[in-house]
Protein backbone atom coordinates (compact mmCIF):
# COMPACT_ATOMS: atom_id res chain seq x y z
CA MET A 1 26.20 -122.43 61.54
CA GLY A 2 27.48 -122.19 58.01
CA LEU A 3 26.84 -118.92 56.27
CA GLY A 4 27.42 -118.15 52.63
CA GLY A 5 30.11 -115.54 52.09
CA TYR A 6 31.92 -116.24 55.33
CA GLY A 7 35.63 -117.05 55.30
CA THR A 8 37.97 -118.55 57.84
CA VAL A 9 38.22 -115.45 60.04
CA GLU A 10 34.42 -115.31 60.31
CA TYR A 11 34.37 -119.06 61.03
CA PHE A 12 36.76 -118.42 63.90
CA TYR A 13 34.48 -115.70 65.26
CA LEU A 14 31.40 -117.97 65.09
CA LEU A 15 33.29 -120.81 66.72
CA LYS A 16 34.53 -118.63 69.55
CA THR A 17 31.33 -116.69 70.22
CA LYS A 18 28.50 -119.06 69.31
CA ALA A 19 29.35 -122.65 68.41
CA LEU A 20 31.28 -123.65 71.53
CA LEU A 21 28.42 -122.40 73.72
CA LEU A 22 26.27 -125.18 72.21
CA ASN A 23 28.70 -127.84 73.53
CA PRO A 24 29.01 -129.71 70.22
CA LYS A 25 30.41 -133.23 70.09
CA GLN A 26 32.05 -132.49 66.75
CA ILE A 27 32.88 -129.44 64.71
CA ILE A 28 33.44 -129.68 60.99
CA VAL A 29 34.96 -126.76 59.14
CA ALA A 30 35.08 -126.78 55.36
CA VAL A 31 37.46 -124.47 53.57
CA TYR A 32 37.08 -123.88 49.85
CA LEU A 33 40.56 -123.25 48.50
CA GLY A 34 39.10 -121.49 45.47
CA ASN A 35 38.44 -118.26 47.38
CA ASP A 36 38.26 -118.67 51.17
CA LEU A 37 41.92 -117.85 51.78
CA MET A 38 41.82 -114.72 49.62
CA ASP A 39 38.52 -113.67 51.22
CA THR A 40 40.12 -114.04 54.64
CA PHE A 41 43.14 -111.99 53.60
CA ASN A 42 40.86 -109.27 52.23
CA ALA A 43 38.72 -109.25 55.39
CA VAL A 44 41.73 -109.02 57.71
CA TYR A 45 43.48 -106.26 55.77
CA SER A 46 40.43 -104.18 54.84
CA ARG A 47 38.29 -104.26 57.98
CA PRO A 48 39.48 -102.74 61.27
CA TYR A 49 37.56 -105.36 63.29
CA TRP A 50 39.96 -108.10 62.18
CA SER A 51 43.17 -106.04 62.50
CA GLN A 52 44.48 -108.18 65.38
CA PHE A 53 45.11 -110.94 62.81
CA ARG A 54 47.31 -108.78 60.59
CA ASN A 55 50.95 -109.63 60.06
CA SER A 56 52.95 -106.50 60.84
CA ASP A 57 55.50 -107.47 58.17
CA LEU A 58 52.81 -106.99 55.48
CA ASN A 59 51.63 -103.56 56.63
């Protein structure tokens, strides 16, 4: 289910909405520390869809 350009927040979405429905025996998530964390921050704070993950102290 890996997709290029996805970050951790998108991984969470795929896990919750798609992957668990397939009843996997194992789930492996790889996080590239070079940009995944910054991409996640940018997604959460720039897209209304992910606003539930925002820290109110940073707004």
